[in-house]
Amino acid sequence: MSFSIKHRAWWRGVVMTLVALGSIALLPSHDASAATTPAISDTVKLNITRSDGFLHPAISVDPSQFQNTRDELAAGKQPWTTYYQGMLESPYASTTFQAANLKTGTFDTPKDATFTSFGQEDPLSADGFRAYTQAILYYLTGNSQYRYNAIRLVRIWENMDPNGFKYYADAHIHAPVPFYYLVSAAELLKYTSVTTPTYTDDQGNTVQLAWTDTDNSKLINNLIDPLTSKLLIKIKDQYLAQHLYPLTGALAGAIFKDDRAAYNDYVEQTFINANSNRPYINGAINNMFHQMTADDPRNPVGVDFIQHLEMGRDANHSKDDIFCPPVYNSSATP
């Protein structure tokens, strides 16, 4: 694994914890000065919406927690301010526009409009997490440059060739999480208010900042649908965590699209996966976690405990078994 991928994974944890504050991690002892710290502003509103039981925006955030995060930051409270400072250290928080999959000399044309090998995973990861970070900073600060950066990145990936997606080895493992973050960024852009309708960048381009019906249809038709159908294959029969990785991306796409039928199917696969052809080695929660009672003859310790099946493999994949299911936790109701 390259240093850049490790770096992205670390910052992903910082940003997601800032939003949810589900746990506290150690951050480097860096104290950015007030002069370089973007001020918190309440000018941007969350356009909280329910549609067919889906709550938006809520793929990667709970709206009430997100609003509370901004309130706590405005009040200067800990640990929110420490996490905010940590997020601002990331290169993905820079106001300078950068894109990994932008064709030189163009505004929103992909450098590679196909997705047929692992070579596209790194650009999607970089652009997806950068767009997500920028969309969060737009909501927290009201700075339209953050929104410009985020929406331009998403629009690059809206222009993918829908016929250019082809499964390659392990695509269902490595593509879905970067994809999840790009769709999460689009979700935030779609359901946050626009403080200024246009933004003129340093090259003189005047850009519409509102999320449009065209944005919606292009993202679905040119990225969400082809990536889900071509790369996230045979989900119900994949091995342990390799079952949950593609569900992370597939659930994000279903929630963004308000696709209730697909969502229900993916949730069933997450918990039960009754139709799997590999019932004893797939990653459904029902198969992955088992209660061992104290009186079970197979129990060597004599006390009740929950056994996590994939811990017999390794801790890293087991950790991901816990990370993946919360994707849908606050995003829809039965």
C-alpha atoms as a PDB file:
ATOM      1  CA  MET A   1       0.000   0.000   0.000  1.00  0.00           C
ATOM      2  CA  SER A   2       1.441   3.390  -0.950  1.00  0.00           C
ATOM      3  CA  PHE A   3       1.974   6.204   1.535  1.00  0.00           C
ATOM      4  CA  SER A   4      -0.658   8.331  -0.230  1.00  0.00           C
ATOM      5  CA  ILE A   5      -3.333   5.684   0.279  1.00  0.00           C
ATOM      6  CA  LYS A   6      -2.394   5.316   3.952  1.00  0.00           C
ATOM      7  CA  HIS A   7      -2.527   9.103   4.263  1.00  0.00           C
ATOM      8  CA  ARG A   8      -6.021   9.225   2.782  1.00  0.00           C
ATOM      9  CA  ALA A   9      -7.216   6.468   5.097  1.00  0.00           C
ATOM     10  CA  TRP A  10      -5.957   8.379   8.138  1.00  0.00           C
ATOM     11  CA  TRP A  11      -7.594  11.648   7.101  1.00  0.00           C
ATOM     12  CA  ARG A  12     -10.815   9.782   6.313  1.00  0.00           C
ATOM     13  CA  GLY A  13     -10.914   8.754   9.960  1.00  0.00           C
ATOM     14  CA  VAL A  14     -10.307  12.325  11.137  1.00  0.00           C
ATOM     15  CA  VAL A  15     -13.059  13.801   8.956  1.00  0.00           C
ATOM     16  CA  MET A  16     -15.643  11.133   9.708  1.00  0.00           C
ATOM     17  CA  THR A  17     -14.961  11.432  13.430  1.00  0.00           C
ATOM     18  CA  LEU A  18     -15.324  15.210  13.245  1.00  0.00           C
ATOM     19  CA  VAL A  19     -18.767  14.746  11.690  1.00  0.00           C
ATOM     20  CA  ALA A  20     -19.983  11.919  13.904  1.00  0.00           C
ATOM     21  CA  LEU A  21     -17.665  12.115  16.932  1.00  0.00           C
ATOM     22  CA  GLY A  22     -18.212   8.440  17.520  1.00  0.00           C
ATOM     23  CA  SER A  23     -14.706   7.958  18.956  1.00  0.00           C
ATOM     24  CA  ILE A  24     -11.586   9.934  19.762  1.00  0.00           C
ATOM     25  CA  ALA A  25      -8.263   9.274  18.040  1.00  0.00           C
ATOM     26  CA  LEU A  26      -4.822  10.759  18.585  1.00  0.00           C
ATOM     27  CA  LEU A  27      -3.947  13.664  16.314  1.00  0.00           C
ATOM     28  CA  PRO A  28      -0.572  15.311  15.732  1.00  0.00           C
ATOM     29  CA  SER A  29       0.201  18.175  18.066  1.00  0.00           C
ATOM     30  CA  HIS A  30      -0.437  20.941  15.587  1.00  0.00           C
ATOM     31  CA  ASP A  31      -2.229  24.131  16.540  1.00  0.00           C
ATOM     32  CA  ALA A  32      -3.108  26.172  13.451  1.00  0.00           C
ATOM     33  CA  SER A  33      -3.358  29.884  14.140  1.00  0.00           C
ATOM     34  CA  ALA A  34      -6.703  31.659  14.054  1.00  0.00           C
ATOM     35  CA  ALA A  35      -5.514  33.593  10.999  1.00  0.00           C
ATOM     36  CA  THR A  36      -5.255  30.389   8.951  1.00  0.00           C
ATOM     37  CA  THR A  37      -8.321  28.647  10.352  1.00  0.00           C
ATOM     38  CA  PRO A  38     -11.509  29.179   8.307  1.00  0.00           C
ATOM     39  CA  ALA A  39     -14.182  30.687  10.525  1.00  0.00           C
ATOM     40  CA  ILE A  40     -17.316  28.699  11.219  1.00  0.00           C
ATOM     41  CA  SER A  41     -20.458  30.166   9.662  1.00  0.00           C
ATOM     42  CA  ASP A  42     -24.140  29.217   9.759  1.00  0.00           C
ATOM     43  CA  THR A  43     -24.939  30.675   6.323  1.00  0.00           C
ATOM     44  CA  VAL A  44     -25.277  27.273   4.631  1.00  0.00           C
ATOM     45  CA  LYS A  45     -28.412  25.309   5.473  1.00  0.00           C
ATOM     46  CA  LEU A  46     -29.052  21.591   5.292  1.00  0.00           C
ATOM     47  CA  ASN A  47     -32.095  20.982   3.117  1.00  0.00           C
ATOM     48  CA  ILE A  48     -33.238  17.982   5.153  1.00  0.00           C
ATOM     49  CA  THR A  49     -35.616  15.881   3.109  1.00  0.00           C
ATOM     50  CA  ARG A  50     -37.515  12.615   3.460  1.00  0.00           C
ATOM     51  CA  SER A  51     -38.418  10.690   0.333  1.00  0.00           C
ATOM     52  CA  ASP A  52     -39.957   7.210   0.399  1.00  0.00           C
ATOM     53  CA  GLY A  53     -38.538   6.728   3.871  1.00  0.00           C
ATOM     54  CA  PHE A  54     -35.050   7.973   2.967  1.00  0.00           C
ATOM     55  CA  LEU A  55     -33.503  10.765   4.986  1.00  0.00           C
ATOM     56  CA  HIS A  56     -31.234  13.200   3.145  1.00  0.00           C
ATOM     57  CA  PRO A  57     -28.441  14.190   3.473  1.00  0.00           C
ATOM     58  CA  ALA A  58     -27.482  11.046   5.327  1.00  0.00           C
ATOM     59  CA  ILE A  59     -25.255   8.666   3.398  1.00  0.00           C
ATOM     60  CA  SER A  60     -22.193   9.468   5.473  1.00  0.00           C
ATOM     61  CA  VAL A  61     -23.634  11.856   8.060  1.00  0.00           C
ATOM     62  CA  ASP A  62     -26.573  12.138  10.395  1.00  0.00           C
ATOM     63  CA  PRO A  63     -28.059  15.596   9.704  1.00  0.00           C
ATOM     64  CA  SER A  64     -28.688  16.384  13.362  1.00  0.00           C
ATOM     65  CA  GLN A  65     -25.146  15.373  14.327  1.00  0.00           C
ATOM     66  CA  PHE A  66     -23.752  17.397  11.446  1.00  0.00           C
ATOM     67  CA  GLN A  67     -25.667  20.482  12.583  1.00  0.00           C
ATOM     68  CA  ASN A  68     -24.527  19.877  16.149  1.00  0.00           C
ATOM     69  CA  THR A  69     -20.909  19.606  14.993  1.00  0.00           C
ATOM     70  CA  ARG A  70     -21.104  23.069  13.455  1.00  0.00           C
ATOM     71  CA  ASP A  71     -22.755  24.484  16.592  1.00  0.00           C
ATOM     72  CA  GLU A  72     -20.029  23.023  18.811  1.00  0.00           C
ATOM     73  CA  LEU A  73     -17.302  24.352  16.526  1.00  0.00           C
ATOM     74  CA  ALA A  74     -18.877  27.806  16.567  1.00  0.00           C
ATOM     75  CA  ALA A  75     -18.800  27.663  20.362  1.00  0.00           C
ATOM     76  CA  GLY A  76     -15.127  26.624  20.309  1.00  0.00           C
ATOM     77  CA  LYS A  77     -15.746  23.376  22.163  1.00  0.00           C
ATOM     78  CA  GLN A  78     -13.550  20.298  22.396  1.00  0.00           C
ATOM     79  CA  PRO A  79     -13.003  17.753  20.965  1.00  0.00           C
ATOM     80  CA  TRP A  80     -14.669  19.260  17.876  1.00  0.00           C
ATOM     81  CA  THR A  81     -12.097  22.052  17.470  1.00  0.00           C
ATOM     82  CA  THR A  82      -9.161  19.622  17.670  1.00  0.00           C
ATOM     83  CA  TYR A  83     -10.666  17.440  14.959  1.00  0.00           C
ATOM     84  CA  TYR A  84     -11.421  20.487  12.848  1.00  0.00           C
ATOM     85  CA  GLN A  85      -7.800  21.602  13.100  1.00  0.00           C
ATOM     86  CA  GLY A  86      -6.739  18.085  12.195  1.00  0.00           C
ATOM     87  CA  MET A  87      -8.950  18.041   9.121  1.00  0.00           C
ATOM     88  CA  LEU A  88      -7.549  21.379   7.972  1.00  0.00           C
ATOM     89  CA  GLU A  89      -4.031  19.898   7.939  1.00  0.00           C
ATOM     90  CA  SER A  90      -5.093  17.535   5.174  1.00  0.00           C
ATOM     91  CA  PRO A  91      -4.094  18.395   1.597  1.00  0.00           C
ATOM     92  CA  TYR A  92      -7.719  17.615   0.715  1.00  0.00           C
ATOM     93  CA  ALA A  93      -8.798  20.676   2.717  1.00  0.00           C
ATOM     94  CA  SER A  94      -6.807  23.091   0.541  1.00  0.00           C
ATOM     95  CA  THR A  95      -8.815  25.769  -1.257  1.00  0.00           C
ATOM     96  CA  THR A  96      -6.602  25.272  -4.312  1.00  0.00           C
ATOM     97  CA  PHE A  97      -8.462  23.158  -6.849  1.00  0.00           C
ATOM     98  CA  GLN A  98      -6.850  19.802  -7.621  1.00  0.00           C
ATOM     99  CA  ALA A  99      -8.150  16.762  -9.471  1.00  0.00           C
ATOM    100  CA  ALA A 100      -6.564  13.367 -10.109  1.00  0.00           C
ATOM    101  CA  ASN A 101      -8.759  12.420 -13.074  1.00  0.00           C
ATOM    102  CA  LEU A 102      -8.925  15.720 -14.965  1.00  0.00           C
ATOM    103  CA  LYS A 103      -7.724  15.863 -18.567  1.00  0.00           C
ATOM    104  CA  THR A 104      -5.139  18.590 -18.970  1.00  0.00           C
ATOM    105  CA  GLY A 105      -6.514  21.785 -20.490  1.00  0.00           C
ATOM    106  CA  THR A 106     -10.167  20.953 -19.813  1.00  0.00           C
ATOM    107  CA  PHE A 107     -12.675  22.019 -17.191  1.00  0.00           C
ATOM    108  CA  ASP A 108     -14.476  18.763 -16.388  1.00  0.00           C
ATOM    109  CA  THR A 109     -13.341  16.117 -18.888  1.00  0.00           C
ATOM    110  CA  PRO A 110     -11.981  12.923 -17.299  1.00  0.00           C
ATOM    111  CA  LYS A 111      -8.381  12.029 -18.067  1.00  0.00           C
ATOM    112  CA  ASP A 112      -9.651   8.461 -18.258  1.00  0.00           C
ATOM    113  CA  ALA A 113     -13.397   8.038 -18.775  1.00  0.00           C
ATOM    114  CA  THR A 114     -13.226   4.256 -18.401  1.00  0.00           C
ATOM    115  CA  PHE A 115     -12.960   2.033 -15.333  1.00  0.00           C
ATOM    116  CA  THR A 116     -11.381  -1.255 -16.350  1.00  0.00           C
ATOM    117  CA  SER A 117      -8.398  -1.708 -14.030  1.00  0.00           C
ATOM    118  CA  PHE A 118      -7.030  -0.949 -10.591  1.00  0.00           C
ATOM    119  CA  GLY A 119      -5.358   2.123 -12.119  1.00  0.00           C
ATOM    120  CA  GLN A 120      -8.596   4.097 -11.662  1.00  0.00           C
ATOM    121  CA  GLU A 121      -8.911   3.276  -7.968  1.00  0.00           C
ATOM    122  CA  ASP A 122      -6.310   5.799  -6.831  1.00  0.00           C
ATOM    123  CA  PRO A 123      -7.770   8.755  -8.836  1.00  0.00           C
ATOM    124  CA  LEU A 124     -11.268   7.911  -7.569  1.00  0.00           C
ATOM    125  CA  SER A 125      -9.981   7.691  -4.017  1.00  0.00           C
ATOM    126  CA  ALA A 126      -8.147  11.023  -4.234  1.00  0.00           C
ATOM    127  CA  ASP A 127     -10.987  12.883  -5.955  1.00  0.00           C
ATOM    128  CA  GLY A 128     -13.718  11.258  -3.885  1.00  0.00           C
ATOM    129  CA  PHE A 129     -12.203  12.054  -0.522  1.00  0.00           C
ATOM    130  CA  ARG A 130     -11.156  15.538  -1.643  1.00  0.00           C
ATOM    131  CA  ALA A 131     -14.689  16.282  -2.855  1.00  0.00           C
ATOM    132  CA  TYR A 132     -16.135  14.945   0.392  1.00  0.00           C
ATOM    133  CA  THR A 133     -13.774  17.048   2.520  1.00  0.00           C
ATOM    134  CA  GLN A 134     -14.515  20.167   0.473  1.00  0.00           C
ATOM    135  CA  ALA A 135     -18.289  19.602   0.721  1.00  0.00           C
ATOM    136  CA  ILE A 136     -18.031  19.322   4.510  1.00  0.00           C
ATOM    137  CA  LEU A 137     -15.928  22.491   4.731  1.00  0.00           C
ATOM    138  CA  TYR A 138     -18.455  24.357   2.594  1.00  0.00           C
ATOM    139  CA  TYR A 139     -21.215  23.536   5.072  1.00  0.00           C
ATOM    140  CA  LEU A 140     -19.049  24.443   8.058  1.00  0.00           C
ATOM    141  CA  THR A 141     -17.669  27.746   6.710  1.00  0.00           C
ATOM    142  CA  GLY A 142     -19.981  28.985   3.942  1.00  0.00           C
ATOM    143  CA  ASN A 143     -16.955  29.581   1.691  1.00  0.00           C
ATOM    144  CA  SER A 144     -18.178  29.115  -1.897  1.00  0.00           C
ATOM    145  CA  GLN A 145     -14.716  28.135  -3.088  1.00  0.00           C
ATOM    146  CA  TYR A 146     -15.075  24.874  -1.199  1.00  0.00           C
ATOM    147  CA  ARG A 147     -18.361  24.211  -2.975  1.00  0.00           C
ATOM    148  CA  TYR A 148     -16.807  25.072  -6.323  1.00  0.00           C
ATOM    149  CA  ASN A 149     -13.981  22.602  -5.702  1.00  0.00           C
ATOM    150  CA  ALA A 150     -16.345  19.836  -4.628  1.00  0.00           C
ATOM    151  CA  ILE A 151     -18.901  20.232  -7.393  1.00  0.00           C
ATOM    152  CA  ARG A 152     -16.253  20.503 -10.104  1.00  0.00           C
ATOM    153  CA  LEU A 153     -14.687  17.255  -8.902  1.00  0.00           C
ATOM    154  CA  VAL A 154     -18.041  15.486  -8.917  1.00  0.00           C
ATOM    155  CA  ARG A 155     -18.824  16.839 -12.389  1.00  0.00           C
ATOM    156  CA  ILE A 156     -15.595  15.349 -13.748  1.00  0.00           C
ATOM    157  CA  TRP A 157     -16.780  11.908 -12.653  1.00  0.00           C
ATOM    158  CA  GLU A 158     -20.271  12.642 -13.996  1.00  0.00           C
ATOM    159  CA  ASN A 159     -18.658  12.600 -17.435  1.00  0.00           C
ATOM    160  CA  MET A 160     -17.455   9.006 -17.306  1.00  0.00           C
ATOM    161  CA  ASP A 161     -18.284   6.718 -20.215  1.00  0.00           C
ATOM    162  CA  PRO A 162     -21.114   4.435 -19.000  1.00  0.00           C
ATOM    163  CA  ASN A 163     -19.979   1.796 -21.497  1.00  0.00           C
ATOM    164  CA  GLY A 164     -16.401   1.968 -20.273  1.00  0.00           C
ATOM    165  CA  PHE A 165     -16.811  -0.038 -17.057  1.00  0.00           C
ATOM    166  CA  LYS A 166     -15.531  -3.612 -16.948  1.00  0.00           C
ATOM    167  CA  TYR A 167     -14.887  -5.923 -14.031  1.00  0.00           C
ATOM    168  CA  TYR A 168     -11.252  -6.658 -13.181  1.00  0.00           C
ATOM    169  CA  ALA A 169      -9.732  -8.736 -10.389  1.00  0.00           C
ATOM    170  CA  ASP A 170     -10.853  -7.525  -6.950  1.00  0.00           C
ATOM    171  CA  ALA A 171     -12.795  -4.545  -8.319  1.00  0.00           C
ATOM    172  CA  HIS A 172     -15.637  -5.351  -5.902  1.00  0.00           C
ATOM    173  CA  ILE A 173     -13.186  -4.967  -3.006  1.00  0.00           C
ATOM    174  CA  HIS A 174     -11.234  -1.823  -3.908  1.00  0.00           C
ATOM    175  CA  ALA A 175     -13.601   0.375  -5.926  1.00  0.00           C
ATOM    176  CA  PRO A 176     -16.665   0.678  -3.646  1.00  0.00           C
ATOM    177  CA  VAL A 177     -15.252   2.668  -0.716  1.00  0.00           C
ATOM    178  CA  PRO A 178     -13.712   5.472  -2.865  1.00  0.00           C
ATOM    179  CA  PHE A 179     -16.979   5.456  -4.828  1.00  0.00           C
ATOM    180  CA  TYR A 180     -18.884   5.789  -1.543  1.00  0.00           C
ATOM    181  CA  TYR A 181     -17.048   9.022  -0.699  1.00  0.00           C
ATOM    182  CA  LEU A 182     -17.665  10.604  -4.089  1.00  0.00           C
ATOM    183  CA  VAL A 183     -21.382   9.808  -3.843  1.00  0.00           C
ATOM    184  CA  SER A 184     -21.364  11.140  -0.263  1.00  0.00           C
ATOM    185  CA  ALA A 185     -19.916  14.415  -1.559  1.00  0.00           C
ATOM    186  CA  ALA A 186     -22.661  14.608  -4.203  1.00  0.00           C
ATOM    187  CA  GLU A 187     -25.265  13.943  -1.501  1.00  0.00           C
ATOM    188  CA  LEU A 188     -23.991  16.895   0.558  1.00  0.00           C
ATOM    189  CA  LEU A 189     -23.895  19.172  -2.487  1.00  0.00           C
ATOM    190  CA  LYS A 190     -27.442  18.167  -3.409  1.00  0.00           C
ATOM    191  CA  TYR A 191     -28.890  18.857   0.027  1.00  0.00           C
ATOM    192  CA  THR A 192     -27.045  22.020   1.105  1.00  0.00           C
ATOM    193  CA  SER A 193     -28.135  25.539   0.238  1.00  0.00           C
ATOM    194  CA  VAL A 194     -26.203  27.721  -2.204  1.00  0.00           C
ATOM    195  CA  THR A 195     -24.994  31.023  -0.764  1.00  0.00           C
ATOM    196  CA  THR A 196     -23.988  32.452  -4.162  1.00  0.00           C
ATOM    197  CA  PRO A 197     -25.412  31.076  -7.437  1.00  0.00           C
ATOM    198  CA  THR A 198     -22.145  31.289  -9.380  1.00  0.00           C
ATOM    199  CA  TYR A 199     -18.424  31.236  -8.744  1.00  0.00           C
ATOM    200  CA  THR A 200     -15.748  32.690 -11.026  1.00  0.00           C
ATOM    201  CA  ASP A 201     -12.464  30.831 -10.718  1.00  0.00           C
ATOM    202  CA  ASP A 202      -8.940  32.141 -11.305  1.00  0.00           C
ATOM    203  CA  GLN A 203      -9.120  31.081 -14.975  1.00  0.00           C
ATOM    204  CA  GLY A 204     -12.204  33.187 -15.604  1.00  0.00           C
ATOM    205  CA  ASN A 205     -14.689  30.295 -15.690  1.00  0.00           C
ATOM    206  CA  THR A 206     -18.078  31.199 -14.247  1.00  0.00           C
ATOM    207  CA  VAL A 207     -19.560  28.078 -12.697  1.00  0.00           C
ATOM    208  CA  GLN A 208     -23.114  27.360 -11.585  1.00  0.00           C
ATOM    209  CA  LEU A 209     -22.924  26.120  -8.013  1.00  0.00           C
ATOM    210  CA  ALA A 210     -26.437  24.722  -7.639  1.00  0.00           C
ATOM    211  CA  TRP A 211     -26.948  20.975  -7.896  1.00  0.00           C
ATOM    212  CA  THR A 212     -29.087  20.461 -10.991  1.00  0.00           C
ATOM    213  CA  ASP A 213     -31.272  17.756 -12.487  1.00  0.00           C
ATOM    214  CA  THR A 214     -28.543  17.342 -15.093  1.00  0.00           C
ATOM    215  CA  ASP A 215     -25.977  16.709 -12.360  1.00  0.00           C
ATOM    216  CA  ASN A 216     -28.290  14.137 -10.855  1.00  0.00           C
ATOM    217  CA  SER A 217     -28.993  12.221 -14.050  1.00  0.00           C
ATOM    218  CA  LYS A 218     -25.395  12.287 -15.264  1.00  0.00           C
ATOM    219  CA  LEU A 219     -24.000  11.066 -11.959  1.00  0.00           C
ATOM    220  CA  ILE A 220     -26.513   8.215 -11.859  1.00  0.00           C
ATOM    221  CA  ASN A 221     -26.284   7.219 -15.526  1.00  0.00           C
ATOM    222  CA  ASN A 222     -22.537   7.678 -16.036  1.00  0.00           C
ATOM    223  CA  LEU A 223     -21.104   6.576 -12.693  1.00  0.00           C
ATOM    224  CA  ILE A 224     -23.465   5.133 -10.090  1.00  0.00           C
ATOM    225  CA  ASP A 225     -25.351   2.656 -12.267  1.00  0.00           C
ATOM    226  CA  PRO A 226     -22.451   1.363 -14.405  1.00  0.00           C
ATOM    227  CA  LEU A 227     -20.024   1.068 -11.504  1.00  0.00           C
ATOM    228  CA  THR A 228     -22.585  -0.748  -9.363  1.00  0.00           C
ATOM    229  CA  SER A 229     -23.696  -3.135 -12.094  1.00  0.00           C
ATOM    230  CA  LYS A 230     -20.291  -3.852 -13.652  1.00  0.00           C
ATOM    231  CA  LEU A 231     -17.848  -3.757 -10.734  1.00  0.00           C
ATOM    232  CA  LEU A 232     -19.844  -4.644  -7.618  1.00  0.00           C
ATOM    233  CA  ILE A 233     -20.722  -8.123  -8.822  1.00  0.00           C
ATOM    234  CA  LYS A 234     -21.997 -11.303  -7.130  1.00  0.00           C
ATOM    235  CA  ILE A 235     -22.222  -9.445  -3.825  1.00  0.00           C
ATOM    236  CA  LYS A 236     -24.239 -12.046  -1.951  1.00  0.00           C
ATOM    237  CA  ASP A 237     -21.656 -14.782  -2.598  1.00  0.00           C
ATOM    238  CA  GLN A 238     -18.464 -12.897  -1.754  1.00  0.00           C
ATOM    239  CA  TYR A 239     -16.147 -13.987   1.048  1.00  0.00           C
ATOM    240  CA  LEU A 240     -16.555 -12.387   4.507  1.00  0.00           C
ATOM    241  CA  ALA A 241     -15.490  -8.698   4.333  1.00  0.00           C
ATOM    242  CA  GLN A 242     -15.377  -8.940   0.542  1.00  0.00           C
ATOM    243  CA  HIS A 243     -19.159  -9.208   0.810  1.00  0.00           C
ATOM    244  CA  LEU A 244     -19.480  -5.989   2.831  1.00  0.00           C
ATOM    245  CA  TYR A 245     -17.128  -3.780   0.802  1.00  0.00           C
ATOM    246  CA  PRO A 246     -19.315  -3.804  -2.329  1.00  0.00           C
ATOM    247  CA  LEU A 247     -22.420  -3.346  -0.184  1.00  0.00           C
ATOM    248  CA  THR A 248     -20.888  -0.090   1.102  1.00  0.00           C
ATOM    249  CA  GLY A 249     -20.816   1.352  -2.408  1.00  0.00           C
ATOM    250  CA  ALA A 250     -24.077  -0.238  -3.538  1.00  0.00           C
ATOM    251  CA  LEU A 251     -25.967   1.130  -0.529  1.00  0.00           C
ATOM    252  CA  ALA A 252     -24.602   4.636  -1.122  1.00  0.00           C
ATOM    253  CA  GLY A 253     -25.836   4.538  -4.712  1.00  0.00           C
ATOM    254  CA  ALA A 254     -29.258   3.195  -3.734  1.00  0.00           C
ATOM    255  CA  ILE A 255     -29.727   5.862  -1.066  1.00  0.00           C
ATOM    256  CA  PHE A 256     -28.660   8.665  -3.418  1.00  0.00           C
ATOM    257  CA  LYS A 257     -31.150   7.409  -6.025  1.00  0.00           C
ATOM    258  CA  ASP A 258     -33.990   6.815  -3.516  1.00  0.00           C
ATOM    259  CA  ASP A 259     -34.065   3.249  -4.843  1.00  0.00           C
ATOM    260  CA  ARG A 260     -36.135   1.552  -2.157  1.00  0.00           C
ATOM    261  CA  ALA A 261     -36.151  -1.907  -3.773  1.00  0.00           C
ATOM    262  CA  ALA A 262     -32.362  -1.993  -4.158  1.00  0.00           C
ATOM    263  CA  TYR A 263     -31.880  -0.584  -0.665  1.00  0.00           C
ATOM    264  CA  ASN A 264     -34.098  -3.253   0.908  1.00  0.00           C
ATOM    265  CA  ASP A 265     -32.225  -5.953  -1.005  1.00  0.00           C
ATOM    266  CA  TYR A 266     -28.818  -4.659   0.108  1.00  0.00           C
ATOM    267  CA  VAL A 267     -29.904  -4.344   3.744  1.00  0.00           C
ATOM    268  CA  GLU A 268     -31.160  -7.940   3.676  1.00  0.00           C
ATOM    269  CA  GLN A 269     -27.807  -9.030   2.242  1.00  0.00           C
ATOM    270  CA  THR A 270     -26.038  -7.111   5.002  1.00  0.00           C
ATOM    271  CA  PHE A 271     -27.915  -8.751   7.847  1.00  0.00           C
ATOM    272  CA  ILE A 272     -29.180 -12.150   6.686  1.00  0.00           C
ATOM    273  CA  ASN A 273     -28.249 -12.837   3.046  1.00  0.00           C
ATOM    274  CA  ALA A 274     -30.706 -15.726   2.889  1.00  0.00           C
ATOM    275  CA  ASN A 275     -30.164 -16.382  -0.820  1.00  0.00           C
ATOM    276  CA  SER A 276     -26.383 -16.685  -0.727  1.00  0.00           C
ATOM    277  CA  ASN A 277     -24.866 -19.732  -2.369  1.00  0.00           C
ATOM    278  CA  ARG A 278     -22.130 -19.573   0.266  1.00  0.00           C
ATOM    279  CA  PRO A 279     -24.122 -19.370   3.515  1.00  0.00           C
ATOM    280  CA  TYR A 280     -21.241 -20.152   5.868  1.00  0.00           C
ATOM    281  CA  ILE A 281     -18.498 -17.902   4.515  1.00  0.00           C
ATOM    282  CA  ASN A 282     -20.307 -14.735   3.364  1.00  0.00           C
ATOM    283  CA  GLY A 283     -20.118 -11.462   5.257  1.00  0.00           C
ATOM    284  CA  ALA A 284     -23.700 -11.067   6.486  1.00  0.00           C
ATOM    285  CA  ILE A 285     -23.932 -10.002  10.117  1.00  0.00           C
ATOM    286  CA  ASN A 286     -26.041 -13.080  10.876  1.00  0.00           C
ATOM    287  CA  ASN A 287     -23.169 -15.283   9.713  1.00  0.00           C
ATOM    288  CA  MET A 288     -20.321 -13.136  10.982  1.00  0.00           C
ATOM    289  CA  PHE A 289     -21.304 -12.805  14.661  1.00  0.00           C
ATOM    290  CA  HIS A 290     -22.411 -15.678  16.890  1.00  0.00           C
ATOM    291  CA  GLN A 291     -23.337 -15.770  20.556  1.00  0.00           C
ATOM    292  CA  MET A 292     -21.419 -18.416  22.455  1.00  0.00           C
ATOM    293  CA  THR A 293     -23.153 -19.252  25.710  1.00  0.00           C
ATOM    294  CA  ALA A 294     -21.249 -20.292  28.791  1.00  0.00           C
ATOM    295  CA  ASP A 295     -22.677 -23.815  28.704  1.00  0.00           C
ATOM    296  CA  ASP A 296     -21.874 -24.460  25.033  1.00  0.00           C
ATOM    297  CA  PRO A 297     -19.523 -27.472  24.913  1.00  0.00           C
ATOM    298  CA  ARG A 298     -17.438 -25.645  22.296  1.00  0.00           C
ATOM    299  CA  ASN A 299     -16.862 -22.696  24.656  1.00  0.00           C
ATOM    300  CA  PRO A 300     -13.458 -23.071  26.357  1.00  0.00           C
ATOM    301  CA  VAL A 301     -13.756 -20.039  28.685  1.00  0.00           C
ATOM    302  CA  GLY A 302     -17.043 -20.759  30.469  1.00  0.00           C
ATOM    303  CA  VAL A 303     -18.601 -17.286  30.021  1.00  0.00           C
ATOM    304  CA  ASP A 304     -21.010 -15.864  27.447  1.00  0.00           C
ATOM    305  CA  PHE A 305     -19.371 -13.954  24.585  1.00  0.00           C
ATOM    306  CA  ILE A 306     -19.947 -12.897  20.981  1.00  0.00           C
ATOM    307  CA  GLN A 307     -17.624 -14.567  18.501  1.00  0.00           C
ATOM    308  CA  HIS A 308     -16.592 -12.573  15.433  1.00  0.00           C
ATOM    309  CA  LEU A 309     -15.954 -15.105  12.703  1.00  0.00           C
ATOM    310  CA  GLU A 310     -13.477 -13.039  10.699  1.00  0.00           C
ATOM    311  CA  MET A 311     -11.222 -12.524  13.718  1.00  0.00           C
ATOM    312  CA  GLY A 312     -10.027 -16.023  12.863  1.00  0.00           C
ATOM    313  CA  ARG A 313      -8.624 -14.446   9.709  1.00  0.00           C
ATOM    314  CA  ASP A 314      -7.134 -11.104  10.827  1.00  0.00           C
ATOM    315  CA  ALA A 315      -7.980  -7.923  12.727  1.00  0.00           C
ATOM    316  CA  ASN A 316      -7.840  -5.528   9.774  1.00  0.00           C
ATOM    317  CA  HIS A 317     -10.612  -7.185   7.768  1.00  0.00           C
ATOM    318  CA  SER A 318     -12.581  -7.705  10.975  1.00  0.00           C
ATOM    319  CA  LYS A 319     -12.444  -3.978  11.642  1.00  0.00           C
ATOM    320  CA  ASP A 320     -13.978  -3.371   8.236  1.00  0.00           C
ATOM    321  CA  ASP A 321     -16.879  -5.662   9.120  1.00  0.00           C
ATOM    322  CA  ILE A 322     -17.786  -3.047  11.722  1.00  0.00           C
ATOM    323  CA  PHE A 323     -17.147  -0.035   9.478  1.00  0.00           C
ATOM    324  CA  CYS A 324     -19.290  -1.062   6.511  1.00  0.00           C
ATOM    325  CA  PRO A 325     -22.814  -1.635   7.944  1.00  0.00           C
ATOM    326  CA  PRO A 326     -23.291   1.897   9.432  1.00  0.00           C
ATOM    327  CA  VAL A 327     -23.504   3.294   5.876  1.00  0.00           C
ATOM    328  CA  TYR A 328     -27.279   2.893   5.974  1.00  0.00           C
ATOM    329  CA  ASN A 329     -27.694   3.424   9.732  1.00  0.00           C
ATOM    330  CA  SER A 330     -29.311   6.882   9.554  1.00  0.00           C
ATOM    331  CA  SER A 331     -30.187   6.977   5.882  1.00  0.00           C
ATOM    332  CA  ALA A 332     -33.552   5.273   5.695  1.00  0.00           C
ATOM    333  CA  THR A 333     -36.377   3.929   7.781  1.00  0.00           C
ATOM    334  CA  PRO A 334     -38.266   0.670   7.262  1.00  0.00           C
END
